[in-house]
Protein backbone atom coordinates (compact mmCIF):
# COMPACT_ATOMS: atom_id res chain seq x y z
CA MET A 1 10.70 -41.90 171.91
CA SER A 2 13.13 -43.47 169.45
CA ASP A 3 13.09 -47.17 168.70
CA THR A 4 15.12 -49.64 170.75
CA ARG A 5 17.19 -52.07 168.71
CA ILE A 6 18.52 -55.33 170.10
CA ASP A 7 20.67 -57.55 167.92
CA ILE A 8 21.39 -61.12 169.04
CA MET A 9 24.57 -62.76 167.73
CA ARG A 10 25.40 -66.44 168.00
CA HIS A 11 28.95 -67.36 168.94
CA GLY A 12 31.30 -68.76 166.29
CA GLU A 13 32.62 -72.30 165.98
CA PRO A 14 33.99 -73.59 169.31
CA GLN A 15 37.05 -75.77 169.76
CA GLY A 16 36.39 -79.49 169.86
CA GLY A 17 33.98 -79.88 166.97
CA ARG A 18 30.23 -80.34 166.93
CA CYS A 19 28.54 -81.50 170.12
CA TYR A 20 25.82 -80.55 172.59
CA ARG A 21 27.71 -78.12 174.85
CA GLY A 22 24.72 -76.61 176.58
CA SER A 23 25.43 -74.68 179.75
CA THR A 24 28.29 -76.71 181.27
CA ILE A 25 30.77 -77.48 178.47
CA ASP A 26 32.76 -74.25 178.33
CA ASP A 27 34.91 -74.58 175.20
CA GLU A 28 36.73 -71.56 173.80
CA LEU A 29 36.23 -70.39 170.23
CA SER A 30 38.39 -72.01 167.59
CA ASP A 31 40.51 -69.76 165.35
CA LYS A 32 37.82 -70.23 162.70
CA GLY A 33 35.17 -69.23 165.26
CA TRP A 34 36.97 -65.98 166.06
CA GLN A 35 37.22 -65.21 162.34
CA GLN A 36 33.54 -65.99 161.76
CA MET A 37 32.57 -63.51 164.43
CA TRP A 38 34.87 -60.72 163.29
CA ASN A 39 33.64 -61.26 159.72
CA ALA A 40 30.03 -60.79 160.85
CA ILE A 41 30.66 -57.39 162.44
CA PRO A 42 29.54 -54.50 160.19
CA ASP A 43 32.07 -51.90 159.03
CA THR A 44 30.46 -49.31 161.29
CA PRO A 45 29.14 -51.17 164.34
CA PRO A 46 26.05 -49.38 165.70
CA TRP A 47 26.04 -50.76 169.24
CA GLN A 48 26.24 -48.71 172.42
CA HIS A 49 26.47 -51.64 174.83
CA ILE A 50 27.15 -55.39 174.67
CA ILE A 51 25.52 -58.04 176.84
CA THR A 52 27.03 -61.52 176.80
CA SER A 53 26.48 -65.04 177.97
CA PRO A 54 29.13 -65.91 180.58
CA LEU A 55 30.31 -68.94 178.58
CA SER A 56 33.76 -68.60 177.02
CA ARG A 57 32.58 -69.06 173.44
CA CYS A 58 30.65 -65.79 173.84
CA TYR A 59 32.33 -63.85 176.63
CA HIS A 60 35.87 -63.58 175.25
CA PHE A 61 34.74 -62.25 171.89
CA ALA A 62 32.31 -59.84 173.58
CA ASN A 63 35.18 -58.40 175.62
CA ALA A 64 37.40 -58.09 172.54
CA LEU A 65 34.66 -56.37 170.53
CA ALA A 66 33.70 -54.05 173.40
CA GLY A 67 37.37 -53.09 173.78
CA SER A 68 37.70 -52.30 170.09
CA LEU A 69 34.53 -50.17 170.18
CA GLU A 70 35.34 -48.61 173.57
CA ILE A 71 31.94 -49.53 175.00
CA LYS A 72 30.89 -51.45 178.09
CA VAL A 73 30.07 -55.14 178.27
CA THR A 74 27.73 -56.83 180.77
CA MET A 75 27.79 -60.55 181.56
CA GLU A 76 24.28 -62.03 181.86
CA ASP A 77 23.81 -65.50 183.31
CA GLN A 78 20.24 -65.70 181.95
CA PHE A 79 21.66 -65.81 178.41
CA LYS A 80 23.52 -69.09 178.98
CA GLU A 81 22.61 -71.84 176.53
CA ILE A 82 19.89 -74.29 177.51
CA GLY A 83 21.06 -77.20 179.66
CA PHE A 84 21.11 -80.49 177.71
CA GLY A 85 21.47 -82.73 180.77
CA SER A 86 23.15 -86.07 180.04
CA TRP A 87 23.80 -85.07 176.42
CA GLU A 88 26.23 -82.29 177.29
CA GLY A 89 29.62 -82.94 175.72
CA ARG A 90 28.23 -85.65 173.41
CA THR A 91 28.03 -85.60 169.62
CA PRO A 92 24.80 -86.21 167.70
CA GLU A 93 26.44 -89.32 166.18
CA ASP A 94 27.17 -90.74 169.64
CA ILE A 95 23.59 -90.14 170.77
CA GLN A 96 22.19 -91.73 167.59
CA GLN A 97 24.39 -94.80 168.01
CA ASN A 98 23.69 -95.33 171.69
CA GLU A 99 20.16 -94.03 172.37
CA GLY A 100 18.06 -95.33 169.49
CA ASP A 101 15.41 -92.83 168.36
CA ALA A 102 16.07 -90.34 171.20
CA LEU A 103 17.81 -87.75 169.00
CA GLU A 104 15.27 -88.01 166.19
CA ASN A 105 12.42 -87.64 168.68
CA PHE A 106 14.13 -84.65 170.30
CA LEU A 107 14.67 -82.89 166.96
CA ARG A 108 11.03 -83.49 165.99
CA ASP A 109 9.52 -82.52 169.37
CA PRO A 110 12.08 -80.83 171.66
CA ILE A 111 9.50 -79.96 174.34
CA ASN A 112 8.28 -83.49 175.04
CA HIS A 113 11.47 -85.44 174.27
CA ARG A 114 14.12 -83.75 176.42
CA PRO A 115 17.44 -85.46 177.17
CA PRO A 116 17.61 -86.93 180.71
CA GLY A 117 18.28 -84.13 183.20
CA ALA A 118 17.81 -81.37 180.59
CA GLU A 119 16.44 -77.95 181.44
CA PRO A 120 12.74 -77.71 180.45
CA LEU A 121 12.39 -75.75 177.21
CA ASP A 122 9.58 -73.56 178.56
CA ASP A 123 11.68 -72.58 181.60
CA PHE A 124 14.66 -71.75 179.39
CA ALA A 125 12.58 -69.62 177.02
CA GLU A 126 11.04 -67.76 179.96
CA ARG A 127 14.39 -66.94 181.60
CA VAL A 128 15.79 -65.68 178.27
CA TRP A 129 12.71 -63.58 177.57
CA GLN A 130 12.71 -62.00 181.03
CA ALA A 131 16.33 -60.95 180.53
CA TYR A 132 15.60 -59.64 177.02
CA GLU A 133 12.67 -57.55 178.28
CA GLY A 134 14.73 -56.25 181.19
CA TYR A 135 17.48 -55.01 178.89
CA ALA A 136 14.93 -53.59 176.45
CA ASN A 137 13.60 -51.44 179.30
CA GLU A 138 17.04 -50.52 180.62
CA TYR A 139 18.38 -49.47 177.21
CA GLN A 140 15.28 -47.81 175.74
CA GLY A 141 16.09 -45.82 172.62
CA GLN A 142 19.53 -47.41 172.26
CA HIS A 143 21.05 -50.06 169.99
CA ILE A 144 22.60 -52.97 171.88
CA LEU A 145 24.13 -56.34 171.03
CA ILE A 146 23.57 -59.64 172.85
CA ILE A 147 26.23 -62.30 172.22
CA ALA A 148 24.83 -65.70 173.10
CA HIS A 149 23.72 -69.04 171.65
CA ALA A 150 21.46 -70.61 169.04
CA GLY A 151 18.95 -71.51 171.75
CA VAL A 152 18.78 -67.89 172.92
CA ILE A 153 18.08 -66.70 169.37
CA ARG A 154 15.34 -69.31 169.01
CA ALA A 155 13.76 -68.42 172.36
CA ILE A 156 13.59 -64.72 171.52
CA THR A 157 12.36 -65.43 167.98
CA SER A 158 9.52 -67.60 169.28
CA LYS A 159 8.31 -64.83 171.60
CA VAL A 160 8.69 -62.00 169.09
CA LEU A 161 6.93 -63.89 166.29
CA GLY A 162 4.37 -65.55 168.57
CA MET A 163 5.36 -69.02 167.35
CA GLU A 164 5.24 -72.28 169.26
CA LEU A 165 8.61 -73.25 170.75
CA ASN A 166 8.47 -76.63 169.01
CA GLN A 167 8.09 -74.94 165.63
CA VAL A 168 10.99 -72.58 166.15
CA TYR A 169 13.31 -75.19 167.66
CA SER A 170 12.70 -77.78 164.97
CA ARG A 171 12.80 -75.36 162.01
CA LEU A 172 15.05 -72.38 162.74
CA ARG A 173 18.76 -72.82 162.11
CA ALA A 174 21.07 -70.23 163.61
CA GLU A 175 24.46 -70.60 161.96
CA TYR A 176 27.70 -69.72 163.72
CA ALA A 177 28.06 -65.91 164.05
CA ALA A 178 24.51 -65.33 162.73
CA ILE A 179 22.90 -62.09 163.89
CA ALA A 180 19.14 -61.72 164.48
CA HIS A 181 17.81 -58.17 164.57
CA THR A 182 14.89 -56.98 166.69
CA LYS A 183 13.36 -53.55 166.96
CA ILE A 184 11.05 -52.39 169.74
CA THR A 185 8.70 -49.53 168.96
CA ALA A 186 6.43 -47.78 171.42
CA ALA A 187 3.38 -48.63 169.29
CA ASN A 188 4.08 -52.25 168.32
CA GLY A 189 6.46 -53.80 170.84
CA PRO A 190 9.25 -56.06 169.56
CA ILE A 191 9.41 -57.14 165.93
CA MET A 192 12.02 -59.13 163.98
CA VAL A 193 13.90 -57.06 161.42
CA LEU A 194 15.37 -58.71 158.33
CA GLU A 195 18.48 -56.91 157.08
């Protein structure tokens, strides 16, 4: 059996500047965000199918890319960004000014210092991983692309590398339009691939 490859791409810069959008703030990509994403696509894209978060900052580019490659796209609700509760729509500066050490505590220990009403990090990571494994089984031997969010990349990375969620969330930066590569072999299961 040939290897299964799953690449995970973060969306580009959204309209409205930097803030915690999470799963409810559905901003479109900015012009710069569109360009970031197109610039990240290789000259000869290898993908046979695209799976996307339903949020606009992912979905619209996924449809445009799938159209240009003449391949199918699937919308997957499980790949939505983590819910940030009362922080959704707010900037880090606003949170720092109005909530004391809350942001610093969250960045240091995102499991135990969640924003009020936020989705639990363990639950988020589990829903993302279940979807990832489901698509890995469905598309065995193929090369697919997931277009999603920084949190999705971190959740998958933590599972593949066997790292604690706190470590990955406090240390791993996923820039706009970054692509993480994973490869699943029959012998070893999923591994991260640096390219």
